[in-house]
Amino acid sequence: MIDRAVRYIRQRASVARPTAASLFVIVFTLMGGAPAGFAQSSQNTAAAKGQGDGCAAGNGGITLPPGFCATVFADNLGHARQMAFGPDGVLYVNTWSGTYYHNDKVPPGGFLIALKDSKGDGHADKIERFGDGVAHGSAGGTGIRVHKNGLYAEQNDKIIRYPLPTDGIAPKESPQVIVSGLPLTGDHPMHPFAIDDEGHLFVDLGSATNSCQFQNRMPNSPGHQPCTELETRAGIWLYDANKKDQHFSPAERYATGLRNGEGFAFDSAGRLFVTQHGRDQLSQNWPRYFNARQSAELPAEEIVLLQKGADYGWPECYYDQLQNKLVLAPEYGGDG
């Protein structure tokens, strides 16, 4: 997800469908997907202009299915990762750089961004960067959430909390450290997270390797048995969003065997679902078992119901959607 623009997509029909695009997008139903103030102001502006959807021709340069239209909500933000709406239609975005993006040049200011469309035209006319920037040793982060009166964000090895502002769109007070010491090494140094209504803070710690091989991402290299990486990576850790100065340790592991669970969503019953970003390089590392087409399609990118103490299989197995079953990974004796 190397993303340079945030786009505001609105739907004329009532059912949302995912779209494939090279840029990070915000997807809403016209009436129900966005916060009330955000959606209503956009509808009012469109009506005043005599437009049914309020979108410019060309959909901001992306292709959408019938029933959708888009505007570029904001551009040149850096590597936008995840987003969260706060009160009064303010959108908060976390951005990231550092070694993961080869230390490329980033916009000046902090890695966190507050945006607001105060005119209701589908474009952010108020944009403020805040928090630590490169000069403070920050590389930004991925995860960001609003919980009660706080804005929680990942910053390097920490989850921090800003009090939501009472004036303006960007927080003015210094943040509190909620969790520190999260691992930053290896293939997946990001820490997306989710917070439930009771303040349970679920943090993803992606794997340090592709498939726990003796030689990471190298042909015919077997997997470690046991994979001791699982003690501190490739799982979900549980903390308290209402408690300061917690420190990462293996003891807080909630579930394991998730190579990289970047996406979180609660359903109406309060159950938490998490994505499973599957392993890479089947044909590159195991050409005697897999061809390039199989490698492009396998494994499935799963969505799992998160349960305490569960093991979702990485690195020993993965889900093959062509066979509709879990299969043993070649690093552990599988042959597809």
C-alpha atoms as a PDB file:
ATOM      1  CA  MET A   1       0.000   0.000   0.000  1.00  0.00           C
ATOM      2  CA  ILE A   2       2.178   2.845  -1.213  1.00  0.00           C
ATOM      3  CA  ASP A   3      -0.430   5.537  -1.294  1.00  0.00           C
ATOM      4  CA  ARG A   4      -0.162   9.164  -2.243  1.00  0.00           C
ATOM      5  CA  ALA A   5      -3.728  10.394  -2.300  1.00  0.00           C
ATOM      6  CA  VAL A   6      -6.870  10.013  -0.292  1.00  0.00           C
ATOM      7  CA  ARG A   7      -9.966   9.871  -2.443  1.00  0.00           C
ATOM      8  CA  TYR A   8     -13.546  10.408  -1.384  1.00  0.00           C
ATOM      9  CA  ILE A   9     -15.819   7.892  -3.114  1.00  0.00           C
ATOM     10  CA  ARG A  10     -19.579   8.157  -2.910  1.00  0.00           C
ATOM     11  CA  GLN A  11     -22.143   5.618  -3.941  1.00  0.00           C
ATOM     12  CA  ARG A  12     -25.472   6.362  -5.537  1.00  0.00           C
ATOM     13  CA  ALA A  13     -26.863   2.912  -4.714  1.00  0.00           C
ATOM     14  CA  SER A  14     -27.129   1.387  -1.258  1.00  0.00           C
ATOM     15  CA  VAL A  15     -24.697  -1.528  -1.444  1.00  0.00           C
ATOM     16  CA  ALA A  16     -20.932  -0.940  -1.173  1.00  0.00           C
ATOM     17  CA  ARG A  17     -18.561  -2.980  -3.313  1.00  0.00           C
ATOM     18  CA  PRO A  18     -14.755  -2.963  -3.023  1.00  0.00           C
ATOM     19  CA  THR A  19     -12.831  -1.371  -5.859  1.00  0.00           C
ATOM     20  CA  ALA A  20      -9.330  -2.071  -7.136  1.00  0.00           C
ATOM     21  CA  ALA A  21      -7.207   1.023  -7.482  1.00  0.00           C
ATOM     22  CA  SER A  22      -3.577   2.005  -7.255  1.00  0.00           C
ATOM     23  CA  LEU A  23      -4.352   4.705  -4.706  1.00  0.00           C
ATOM     24  CA  PHE A  24      -5.695   4.558  -1.170  1.00  0.00           C
ATOM     25  CA  VAL A  25      -9.433   5.278  -1.207  1.00  0.00           C
ATOM     26  CA  ILE A  26     -12.121   6.182   1.286  1.00  0.00           C
ATOM     27  CA  VAL A  27     -15.343   4.358   0.415  1.00  0.00           C
ATOM     28  CA  PHE A  28     -18.748   5.504   1.663  1.00  0.00           C
ATOM     29  CA  THR A  29     -22.349   4.876   0.880  1.00  0.00           C
ATOM     30  CA  LEU A  30     -23.852   8.236   0.078  1.00  0.00           C
ATOM     31  CA  MET A  31     -26.165   8.240   3.088  1.00  0.00           C
ATOM     32  CA  GLY A  32     -24.724   5.883   5.665  1.00  0.00           C
ATOM     33  CA  GLY A  33     -20.991   5.279   5.262  1.00  0.00           C
ATOM     34  CA  ALA A  34     -19.552   8.586   6.434  1.00  0.00           C
ATOM     35  CA  PRO A  35     -20.075  10.515   9.654  1.00  0.00           C
ATOM     36  CA  ALA A  36     -23.334  12.432   9.579  1.00  0.00           C
ATOM     37  CA  GLY A  37     -21.825  15.911   9.353  1.00  0.00           C
ATOM     38  CA  PHE A  38     -19.426  14.886   6.603  1.00  0.00           C
ATOM     39  CA  ALA A  39     -21.995  13.128   4.440  1.00  0.00           C
ATOM     40  CA  GLN A  40     -24.779  15.666   4.926  1.00  0.00           C
ATOM     41  CA  SER A  41     -22.638  18.675   4.075  1.00  0.00           C
ATOM     42  CA  SER A  42     -21.455  16.983   0.888  1.00  0.00           C
ATOM     43  CA  GLN A  43     -25.027  16.168  -0.108  1.00  0.00           C
ATOM     44  CA  ASN A  44     -26.148  19.739   0.535  1.00  0.00           C
ATOM     45  CA  THR A  45     -23.317  21.167  -1.551  1.00  0.00           C
ATOM     46  CA  ALA A  46     -24.055  18.813  -4.416  1.00  0.00           C
ATOM     47  CA  ALA A  47     -27.730  19.735  -4.319  1.00  0.00           C
ATOM     48  CA  ALA A  48     -26.894  23.439  -4.345  1.00  0.00           C
ATOM     49  CA  LYS A  49     -24.756  22.900  -7.437  1.00  0.00           C
ATOM     50  CA  GLY A  50     -27.581  20.985  -9.096  1.00  0.00           C
ATOM     51  CA  GLN A  51     -25.491  17.805  -9.253  1.00  0.00           C
ATOM     52  CA  GLY A  52     -26.814  14.423  -8.236  1.00  0.00           C
ATOM     53  CA  ASP A  53     -23.476  13.169  -6.991  1.00  0.00           C
ATOM     54  CA  GLY A  54     -21.223  16.218  -6.607  1.00  0.00           C
ATOM     55  CA  CYS A  55     -18.286  14.482  -8.310  1.00  0.00           C
ATOM     56  CA  ALA A  56     -16.026  15.801 -11.026  1.00  0.00           C
ATOM     57  CA  ALA A  57     -15.751  14.103 -14.383  1.00  0.00           C
ATOM     58  CA  GLY A  58     -13.127  11.389 -14.544  1.00  0.00           C
ATOM     59  CA  ASN A  59     -13.552  10.201 -10.953  1.00  0.00           C
ATOM     60  CA  GLY A  60     -10.198  11.681  -9.972  1.00  0.00           C
ATOM     61  CA  GLY A  61      -8.350   9.423 -12.393  1.00  0.00           C
ATOM     62  CA  ILE A  62      -9.526   6.011 -11.199  1.00  0.00           C
ATOM     63  CA  THR A  63     -11.948   3.513 -12.699  1.00  0.00           C
ATOM     64  CA  LEU A  64     -15.077   2.686 -10.678  1.00  0.00           C
ATOM     65  CA  PRO A  65     -18.073   0.401 -11.219  1.00  0.00           C
ATOM     66  CA  PRO A  66     -21.505   1.848 -12.055  1.00  0.00           C
ATOM     67  CA  GLY A  67     -23.138   3.626  -9.129  1.00  0.00           C
ATOM     68  CA  PHE A  68     -19.938   5.162  -7.728  1.00  0.00           C
ATOM     69  CA  CYS A  69     -18.170   8.456  -8.247  1.00  0.00           C
ATOM     70  CA  ALA A  70     -15.015   9.919  -6.718  1.00  0.00           C
ATOM     71  CA  THR A  71     -13.124  13.108  -5.995  1.00  0.00           C
ATOM     72  CA  VAL A  72      -9.551  13.518  -4.799  1.00  0.00           C
ATOM     73  CA  PHE A  73     -10.066  14.295  -1.126  1.00  0.00           C
ATOM     74  CA  ALA A  74      -6.396  15.140  -0.493  1.00  0.00           C
ATOM     75  CA  ASP A  75      -3.092  14.572  -2.264  1.00  0.00           C
ATOM     76  CA  ASN A  76       0.658  14.626  -1.600  1.00  0.00           C
ATOM     77  CA  LEU A  77       0.249  13.312   1.939  1.00  0.00           C
ATOM     78  CA  GLY A  78       3.097  10.805   1.894  1.00  0.00           C
ATOM     79  CA  HIS A  79       2.540   7.082   2.380  1.00  0.00           C
ATOM     80  CA  ALA A  80      -0.987   7.084   3.817  1.00  0.00           C
ATOM     81  CA  ARG A  81      -1.599   3.850   5.746  1.00  0.00           C
ATOM     82  CA  GLN A  82      -4.782   3.747   7.840  1.00  0.00           C
ATOM     83  CA  MET A  83      -7.500   6.269   8.711  1.00  0.00           C
ATOM     84  CA  ALA A  84     -10.078   6.989  11.391  1.00  0.00           C
ATOM     85  CA  PHE A  85     -12.912   9.493  11.679  1.00  0.00           C
ATOM     86  CA  GLY A  86     -13.116  11.687  14.757  1.00  0.00           C
ATOM     87  CA  PRO A  87     -15.862  14.060  15.874  1.00  0.00           C
ATOM     88  CA  ASP A  88     -17.334  16.650  13.525  1.00  0.00           C
ATOM     89  CA  GLY A  89     -16.218  14.862  10.359  1.00  0.00           C
ATOM     90  CA  VAL A  90     -12.478  15.216  10.990  1.00  0.00           C
ATOM     91  CA  LEU A  91     -10.465  12.487   9.287  1.00  0.00           C
ATOM     92  CA  TYR A  92      -7.203  11.376  10.906  1.00  0.00           C
ATOM     93  CA  VAL A  93      -4.543   9.619   8.813  1.00  0.00           C
ATOM     94  CA  ASN A  94      -1.331   7.904   9.831  1.00  0.00           C
ATOM     95  CA  THR A  95       1.546   7.949   7.352  1.00  0.00           C
ATOM     96  CA  TRP A  96       4.780   6.012   7.272  1.00  0.00           C
ATOM     97  CA  SER A  97       8.308   6.175   5.913  1.00  0.00           C
ATOM     98  CA  GLY A  98      11.724   5.060   7.162  1.00  0.00           C
ATOM     99  CA  THR A  99      13.621   1.980   6.019  1.00  0.00           C
ATOM    100  CA  TYR A 100      10.427   0.217   4.839  1.00  0.00           C
ATOM    101  CA  TYR A 101      10.165   2.890   2.121  1.00  0.00           C
ATOM    102  CA  HIS A 102      13.953   3.184   1.645  1.00  0.00           C
ATOM    103  CA  ASN A 103      14.049   6.421   3.659  1.00  0.00           C
ATOM    104  CA  ASP A 104      12.477   8.367   0.819  1.00  0.00           C
ATOM    105  CA  LYS A 105      11.682  12.060   1.145  1.00  0.00           C
ATOM    106  CA  VAL A 106       8.480  12.792   3.061  1.00  0.00           C
ATOM    107  CA  PRO A 107       6.395  15.962   3.381  1.00  0.00           C
ATOM    108  CA  PRO A 108       7.573  18.312   6.148  1.00  0.00           C
ATOM    109  CA  GLY A 109       5.938  18.163   9.559  1.00  0.00           C
ATOM    110  CA  GLY A 110       4.552  15.306  11.588  1.00  0.00           C
ATOM    111  CA  PHE A 111       3.512  11.933  10.203  1.00  0.00           C
ATOM    112  CA  LEU A 112      -0.050  12.277  11.533  1.00  0.00           C
ATOM    113  CA  ILE A 113      -2.569  14.322   9.574  1.00  0.00           C
ATOM    114  CA  ALA A 114      -5.953  15.850  10.402  1.00  0.00           C
ATOM    115  CA  LEU A 115      -8.212  16.663   7.428  1.00  0.00           C
ATOM    116  CA  LYS A 116     -11.645  18.206   7.133  1.00  0.00           C
ATOM    117  CA  ASP A 117     -13.995  19.043   4.279  1.00  0.00           C
ATOM    118  CA  SER A 118     -15.681  22.087   5.781  1.00  0.00           C
ATOM    119  CA  LYS A 119     -17.285  23.138   2.455  1.00  0.00           C
ATOM    120  CA  GLY A 120     -18.873  19.794   1.678  1.00  0.00           C
ATOM    121  CA  ASP A 121     -17.424  19.543  -1.838  1.00  0.00           C
ATOM    122  CA  GLY A 122     -15.535  16.268  -1.392  1.00  0.00           C
ATOM    123  CA  HIS A 123     -12.149  17.946  -0.918  1.00  0.00           C
ATOM    124  CA  ALA A 124     -10.245  18.539   2.318  1.00  0.00           C
ATOM    125  CA  ASP A 125      -9.827  22.305   2.662  1.00  0.00           C
ATOM    126  CA  LYS A 126      -8.360  22.050   6.176  1.00  0.00           C
ATOM    127  CA  ILE A 127      -5.208  19.933   6.482  1.00  0.00           C
ATOM    128  CA  GLU A 128      -2.875  19.957   9.490  1.00  0.00           C
ATOM    129  CA  ARG A 129       0.112  17.721  10.150  1.00  0.00           C
ATOM    130  CA  PHE A 130       1.016  17.029  13.772  1.00  0.00           C
ATOM    131  CA  GLY A 131       3.092  14.789  15.998  1.00  0.00           C
ATOM    132  CA  ASP A 132       6.727  13.820  15.574  1.00  0.00           C
ATOM    133  CA  GLY A 133       8.420  14.015  12.203  1.00  0.00           C
ATOM    134  CA  VAL A 134      11.745  12.886  10.778  1.00  0.00           C
ATOM    135  CA  ALA A 135      13.590  15.532  12.783  1.00  0.00           C
ATOM    136  CA  HIS A 136      12.328  13.881  15.984  1.00  0.00           C
ATOM    137  CA  GLY A 137      13.484  10.411  14.906  1.00  0.00           C
ATOM    138  CA  SER A 138      10.018   9.252  13.854  1.00  0.00           C
ATOM    139  CA  ALA A 139       9.215   7.119  10.836  1.00  0.00           C
ATOM    140  CA  GLY A 140       5.447   7.387  11.387  1.00  0.00           C
ATOM    141  CA  GLY A 141       3.292   4.298  11.479  1.00  0.00           C
ATOM    142  CA  THR A 142       0.231   2.419  10.236  1.00  0.00           C
ATOM    143  CA  GLY A 143      -2.397   1.980  12.946  1.00  0.00           C
ATOM    144  CA  ILE A 144      -4.750   4.769  14.027  1.00  0.00           C
ATOM    145  CA  ARG A 145      -8.059   4.704  15.925  1.00  0.00           C
ATOM    146  CA  VAL A 146     -10.418   7.026  17.789  1.00  0.00           C
ATOM    147  CA  HIS A 147     -11.604   5.697  21.140  1.00  0.00           C
ATOM    148  CA  LYS A 148     -13.744   7.733  23.525  1.00  0.00           C
ATOM    149  CA  ASN A 149     -11.959  11.088  23.879  1.00  0.00           C
ATOM    150  CA  GLY A 150      -8.623   9.982  22.513  1.00  0.00           C
ATOM    151  CA  LEU A 151      -6.816   9.543  19.214  1.00  0.00           C
ATOM    152  CA  TYR A 152      -4.571   6.475  19.288  1.00  0.00           C
ATOM    153  CA  ALA A 153      -1.761   6.106  16.775  1.00  0.00           C
ATOM    154  CA  GLU A 154       1.209   3.887  16.060  1.00  0.00           C
ATOM    155  CA  GLN A 155       4.553   5.700  16.101  1.00  0.00           C
ATOM    156  CA  ASN A 156       7.698   3.634  15.599  1.00  0.00           C
ATOM    157  CA  ASP A 157       7.664   1.012  18.402  1.00  0.00           C
ATOM    158  CA  LYS A 158       4.837   2.662  20.348  1.00  0.00           C
ATOM    159  CA  ILE A 159       1.086   3.090  20.507  1.00  0.00           C
ATOM    160  CA  ILE A 160       0.412   6.630  21.734  1.00  0.00           C
ATOM    161  CA  ARG A 161      -2.738   8.511  22.738  1.00  0.00           C
ATOM    162  CA  TYR A 162      -3.591  12.143  22.050  1.00  0.00           C
ATOM    163  CA  PRO A 163      -6.540  13.835  23.762  1.00  0.00           C
ATOM    164  CA  LEU A 164      -8.960  14.857  21.016  1.00  0.00           C
ATOM    165  CA  PRO A 165      -8.907  18.617  20.466  1.00  0.00           C
ATOM    166  CA  THR A 166     -11.664  20.844  21.792  1.00  0.00           C
ATOM    167  CA  ASP A 167     -10.704  23.581  19.336  1.00  0.00           C
ATOM    168  CA  GLY A 168      -9.516  23.080  15.753  1.00  0.00           C
ATOM    169  CA  ILE A 169      -8.915  19.753  14.051  1.00  0.00           C
ATOM    170  CA  ALA A 170      -5.440  18.646  15.237  1.00  0.00           C
ATOM    171  CA  PRO A 171      -4.577  17.669  18.825  1.00  0.00           C
ATOM    172  CA  LYS A 172      -2.645  20.320  20.730  1.00  0.00           C
ATOM    173  CA  GLU A 173      -1.541  18.373  23.815  1.00  0.00           C
ATOM    174  CA  SER A 174       1.426  16.013  24.045  1.00  0.00           C
ATOM    175  CA  PRO A 175       0.613  12.319  23.691  1.00  0.00           C
ATOM    176  CA  GLN A 176       0.739   9.635  26.358  1.00  0.00           C
ATOM    177  CA  VAL A 177       2.577   6.363  25.692  1.00  0.00           C
ATOM    178  CA  ILE A 178       0.155   3.436  25.981  1.00  0.00           C
ATOM    179  CA  VAL A 179       2.470   0.621  24.809  1.00  0.00           C
ATOM    180  CA  SER A 180       6.172   0.710  23.949  1.00  0.00           C
ATOM    181  CA  GLY A 181       8.847  -1.733  22.870  1.00  0.00           C
ATOM    182  CA  LEU A 182       6.945  -3.275  19.945  1.00  0.00           C
ATOM    183  CA  PRO A 183       9.298  -5.160  17.568  1.00  0.00           C
ATOM    184  CA  LEU A 184      10.489  -3.248  14.518  1.00  0.00           C
ATOM    185  CA  THR A 185      12.724  -5.784  12.783  1.00  0.00           C
ATOM    186  CA  GLY A 186      12.163  -7.965   9.751  1.00  0.00           C
ATOM    187  CA  ASP A 187       9.622  -8.053   6.955  1.00  0.00           C
ATOM    188  CA  HIS A 188       6.607  -6.631   8.806  1.00  0.00           C
ATOM    189  CA  PRO A 189       7.509  -3.857  11.267  1.00  0.00           C
ATOM    190  CA  MET A 190       4.031  -2.289  11.192  1.00  0.00           C
ATOM    191  CA  HIS A 191       1.555  -2.418  14.113  1.00  0.00           C
ATOM    192  CA  PRO A 192      -2.089  -1.975  13.085  1.00  0.00           C
ATOM    193  CA  PHE A 193      -4.541  -2.255  15.959  1.00  0.00           C
ATOM    194  CA  ALA A 194      -8.173  -2.159  17.033  1.00  0.00           C
ATOM    195  CA  ILE A 195      -9.935  -1.046  20.231  1.00  0.00           C
ATOM    196  CA  ASP A 196     -13.295  -2.351  21.407  1.00  0.00           C
ATOM    197  CA  ASP A 197     -15.859  -0.427  23.459  1.00  0.00           C
ATOM    198  CA  GLU A 198     -14.396  -1.700  26.733  1.00  0.00           C
ATOM    199  CA  GLY A 199     -10.916  -0.493  25.851  1.00  0.00           C
ATOM    200  CA  HIS A 200      -9.314  -3.799  24.879  1.00  0.00           C
ATOM    201  CA  LEU A 201      -6.421  -2.892  22.602  1.00  0.00           C
ATOM    202  CA  PHE A 202      -5.640  -5.597  20.027  1.00  0.00           C
ATOM    203  CA  VAL A 203      -2.253  -5.064  18.333  1.00  0.00           C
ATOM    204  CA  ASP A 204      -0.982  -6.923  15.266  1.00  0.00           C
ATOM    205  CA  LEU A 205       2.672  -7.947  15.284  1.00  0.00           C
ATOM    206  CA  GLY A 206       3.453  -9.184  11.788  1.00  0.00           C
ATOM    207  CA  SER A 207       6.024 -11.888  11.138  1.00  0.00           C
ATOM    208  CA  ALA A 208       9.700 -11.028  10.813  1.00  0.00           C
ATOM    209  CA  THR A 209      10.039 -13.460   7.891  1.00  0.00           C
ATOM    210  CA  ASN A 210       8.023 -14.745   4.967  1.00  0.00           C
ATOM    211  CA  SER A 211       7.653 -18.341   6.137  1.00  0.00           C
ATOM    212  CA  CYS A 212      10.065 -18.864   9.058  1.00  0.00           C
ATOM    213  CA  GLN A 213      12.768 -20.366   6.825  1.00  0.00           C
ATOM    214  CA  PHE A 214      16.363 -20.901   7.907  1.00  0.00           C
ATOM    215  CA  GLN A 215      17.223 -18.502   5.068  1.00  0.00           C
ATOM    216  CA  ASN A 216      14.406 -16.021   4.602  1.00  0.00           C
ATOM    217  CA  ARG A 217      12.904 -15.954   1.101  1.00  0.00           C
ATOM    218  CA  MET A 218      15.557 -18.283  -0.352  1.00  0.00           C
ATOM    219  CA  PRO A 219      14.824 -21.283  -2.636  1.00  0.00           C
ATOM    220  CA  ASN A 220      14.455 -24.701  -0.998  1.00  0.00           C
ATOM    221  CA  SER A 221      15.242 -23.428   2.498  1.00  0.00           C
ATOM    222  CA  PRO A 222      13.258 -25.421   5.102  1.00  0.00           C
ATOM    223  CA  GLY A 223      11.321 -23.929   7.978  1.00  0.00           C
ATOM    224  CA  HIS A 224      12.441 -23.765  11.576  1.00  0.00           C
ATOM    225  CA  GLN A 225      10.908 -26.476  13.751  1.00  0.00           C
ATOM    226  CA  PRO A 226       9.690 -25.136  16.058  1.00  0.00           C
ATOM    227  CA  CYS A 227       9.276 -21.614  14.691  1.00  0.00           C
ATOM    228  CA  THR A 228      10.463 -19.652  17.735  1.00  0.00           C
ATOM    229  CA  GLU A 229       9.623 -16.422  15.921  1.00  0.00           C
ATOM    230  CA  LEU A 230       6.020 -17.037  17.008  1.00  0.00           C
ATOM    231  CA  GLU A 231       6.947 -16.180  20.589  1.00  0.00           C
ATOM    232  CA  THR A 232       7.148 -12.493  19.711  1.00  0.00           C
ATOM    233  CA  ARG A 233       5.713 -12.156  16.173  1.00  0.00           C
ATOM    234  CA  ALA A 234       2.979 -13.308  13.767  1.00  0.00           C
ATOM    235  CA  GLY A 235       0.075 -12.863  16.148  1.00  0.00           C
ATOM    236  CA  ILE A 236      -2.225 -10.503  18.002  1.00  0.00           C
ATOM    237  CA  TRP A 237      -1.264  -9.043  21.373  1.00  0.00           C
ATOM    238  CA  LEU A 238      -3.764  -7.641  23.898  1.00  0.00           C
ATOM    239  CA  TYR A 239      -3.295  -4.485  25.980  1.00  0.00           C
ATOM    240  CA  ASP A 240      -5.454  -1.974  27.863  1.00  0.00           C
ATOM    241  CA  ALA A 241      -6.201   1.212  25.915  1.00  0.00           C
ATOM    242  CA  ASN A 242      -6.947   3.025  29.187  1.00  0.00           C
ATOM    243  CA  LYS A 243      -3.582   2.250  30.822  1.00  0.00           C
ATOM    244  CA  LYS A 244      -0.329   4.161  30.294  1.00  0.00           C
ATOM    245  CA  ASP A 245       3.237   2.887  30.079  1.00  0.00           C
ATOM    246  CA  GLN A 246       2.654  -0.758  29.201  1.00  0.00           C
ATOM    247  CA  HIS A 247       5.583  -2.595  27.648  1.00  0.00           C
ATOM    248  CA  PHE A 248       5.614  -5.325  25.037  1.00  0.00           C
ATOM    249  CA  SER A 249       6.396  -8.864  26.133  1.00  0.00           C
ATOM    250  CA  PRO A 250       5.512 -12.396  24.910  1.00  0.00           C
ATOM    251  CA  ALA A 251       3.110 -12.749  27.849  1.00  0.00           C
ATOM    252  CA  GLU A 252       0.417 -10.547  26.286  1.00  0.00           C
ATOM    253  CA  ARG A 253       0.013 -12.692  23.174  1.00  0.00           C
ATOM    254  CA  TYR A 254      -3.716 -13.221  22.509  1.00  0.00           C
ATOM    255  CA  ALA A 255      -3.624 -15.368  19.347  1.00  0.00           C
ATOM    256  CA  THR A 256      -0.886 -16.741  17.105  1.00  0.00           C
ATOM    257  CA  GLY A 257      -0.223 -18.010  13.583  1.00  0.00           C
ATOM    258  CA  LEU A 258      -1.291 -14.823  11.773  1.00  0.00           C
ATOM    259  CA  ARG A 259       1.503 -13.834   9.405  1.00  0.00           C
ATOM    260  CA  ASN A 260       0.356 -10.223   9.230  1.00  0.00           C
ATOM    261  CA  GLY A 261      -3.128  -9.224  10.363  1.00  0.00           C
ATOM    262  CA  GLU A 262      -3.383  -5.642   9.132  1.00  0.00           C
ATOM    263  CA  GLY A 263      -7.166  -5.338   8.806  1.00  0.00           C
ATOM    264  CA  PHE A 264      -9.498  -5.319  11.830  1.00  0.00           C
ATOM    265  CA  ALA A 265     -13.291  -5.003  11.972  1.00  0.00           C
ATOM    266  CA  PHE A 266     -15.910  -5.579  14.677  1.00  0.00           C
ATOM    267  CA  ASP A 267     -19.345  -6.894  13.737  1.00  0.00           C
ATOM    268  CA  SER A 268     -22.623  -5.848  15.369  1.00  0.00           C
ATOM    269  CA  ALA A 269     -22.210  -8.591  17.987  1.00  0.00           C
ATOM    270  CA  GLY A 270     -18.803  -7.280  19.006  1.00  0.00           C
ATOM    271  CA  ARG A 271     -16.829 -10.124  17.409  1.00  0.00           C
ATOM    272  CA  LEU A 272     -13.457  -9.125  15.984  1.00  0.00           C
ATOM    273  CA  PHE A 273     -12.450 -10.234  12.477  1.00  0.00           C
ATOM    274  CA  VAL A 274      -8.871  -9.955  11.235  1.00  0.00           C
ATOM    275  CA  THR A 275      -7.277 -10.328   7.810  1.00  0.00           C
ATOM    276  CA  GLN A 276      -4.513 -12.829   7.179  1.00  0.00           C
ATOM    277  CA  HIS A 277      -1.963 -11.578   4.669  1.00  0.00           C
ATOM    278  CA  GLY A 278      -0.691 -14.867   3.308  1.00  0.00           C
ATOM    279  CA  ARG A 279       2.884 -15.880   2.572  1.00  0.00           C
ATOM    280  CA  ASP A 280       4.756 -14.974  -0.634  1.00  0.00           C
ATOM    281  CA  GLN A 281       7.014 -16.603  -3.219  1.00  0.00           C
ATOM    282  CA  LEU A 282       5.677 -20.129  -3.632  1.00  0.00           C
ATOM    283  CA  SER A 283       7.026 -20.557  -7.153  1.00  0.00           C
ATOM    284  CA  GLN A 284      10.209 -18.557  -6.554  1.00  0.00           C
ATOM    285  CA  ASN A 285      11.185 -20.606  -3.521  1.00  0.00           C
ATOM    286  CA  TRP A 286       9.643 -23.953  -4.508  1.00  0.00           C
ATOM    287  CA  PRO A 287       9.579 -24.132  -8.333  1.00  0.00           C
ATOM    288  CA  ARG A 288       9.289 -27.922  -8.375  1.00  0.00           C
ATOM    289  CA  TYR A 289       5.865 -27.672  -6.740  1.00  0.00           C
ATOM    290  CA  PHE A 290       4.383 -24.377  -7.999  1.00  0.00           C
ATOM    291  CA  ASN A 291       4.266 -22.437 -11.258  1.00  0.00           C
ATOM    292  CA  ALA A 292       4.063 -18.656 -11.596  1.00  0.00           C
ATOM    293  CA  ARG A 293       0.281 -18.614 -11.987  1.00  0.00           C
ATOM    294  CA  GLN A 294      -0.250 -20.693  -8.863  1.00  0.00           C
ATOM    295  CA  SER A 295       2.122 -18.432  -6.975  1.00  0.00           C
ATOM    296  CA  ALA A 296       0.174 -15.366  -8.099  1.00  0.00           C
ATOM    297  CA  GLU A 297      -3.128 -16.811  -6.871  1.00  0.00           C
ATOM    298  CA  LEU A 298      -2.021 -18.682  -3.746  1.00  0.00           C
ATOM    299  CA  PRO A 299      -2.477 -18.565  -0.873  1.00  0.00           C
ATOM    300  CA  ALA A 300      -5.879 -17.062  -0.123  1.00  0.00           C
ATOM    301  CA  GLU A 301      -5.943 -13.814   1.829  1.00  0.00           C
ATOM    302  CA  GLU A 302      -8.125 -15.004   4.682  1.00  0.00           C
ATOM    303  CA  ILE A 303     -10.483 -13.223   7.050  1.00  0.00           C
ATOM    304  CA  VAL A 304     -10.555 -14.989  10.408  1.00  0.00           C
ATOM    305  CA  LEU A 305     -12.660 -14.665  13.530  1.00  0.00           C
ATOM    306  CA  LEU A 306     -10.219 -13.737  16.274  1.00  0.00           C
ATOM    307  CA  GLN A 307     -10.436 -15.972  19.328  1.00  0.00           C
ATOM    308  CA  LYS A 308      -8.289 -16.037  22.445  1.00  0.00           C
ATOM    309  CA  GLY A 309      -5.618 -18.721  22.344  1.00  0.00           C
ATOM    310  CA  ALA A 310      -6.279 -19.660  18.711  1.00  0.00           C
ATOM    311  CA  ASP A 311      -3.542 -20.707  16.277  1.00  0.00           C
ATOM    312  CA  TYR A 312      -4.274 -19.764  12.647  1.00  0.00           C
ATOM    313  CA  GLY A 313      -1.552 -21.896  11.094  1.00  0.00           C
ATOM    314  CA  TRP A 314       1.364 -19.735   9.946  1.00  0.00           C
ATOM    315  CA  PRO A 315       4.022 -20.792   9.058  1.00  0.00           C
ATOM    316  CA  GLU A 316       3.190 -24.507   8.868  1.00  0.00           C
ATOM    317  CA  CYS A 317       0.107 -24.207   6.685  1.00  0.00           C
ATOM    318  CA  TYR A 318      -1.908 -21.820   4.547  1.00  0.00           C
ATOM    319  CA  TYR A 319      -5.378 -21.780   2.970  1.00  0.00           C
ATOM    320  CA  ASP A 320      -5.565 -22.929  -0.653  1.00  0.00           C
ATOM    321  CA  GLN A 321      -8.727 -21.429  -2.146  1.00  0.00           C
ATOM    322  CA  LEU A 322      -8.432 -23.659  -5.235  1.00  0.00           C
ATOM    323  CA  GLN A 323      -8.700 -26.775  -3.067  1.00  0.00           C
ATOM    324  CA  ASN A 324     -10.837 -25.097  -0.386  1.00  0.00           C
ATOM    325  CA  LYS A 325      -8.723 -26.373   2.465  1.00  0.00           C
ATOM    326  CA  LEU A 326      -5.660 -25.739   4.603  1.00  0.00           C
ATOM    327  CA  VAL A 327      -2.523 -27.291   3.108  1.00  0.00           C
ATOM    328  CA  LEU A 328       0.924 -27.944   4.522  1.00  0.00           C
ATOM    329  CA  ALA A 329       3.538 -25.356   3.521  1.00  0.00           C
ATOM    330  CA  PRO A 330       6.469 -26.648   1.460  1.00  0.00           C
ATOM    331  CA  GLU A 331       8.904 -25.484   4.162  1.00  0.00           C
ATOM    332  CA  TYR A 332       7.292 -28.108   6.401  1.00  0.00           C
ATOM    333  CA  GLY A 333       6.969 -30.995   3.970  1.00  0.00           C
ATOM    334  CA  GLY A 334       3.999 -29.962   1.828  1.00  0.00           C
ATOM    335  CA  ASP A 335       4.000 -30.259  -1.959  1.00  0.00           C
ATOM    336  CA  GLY A 336       0.886 -28.262  -2.875  1.00  0.00           C
END
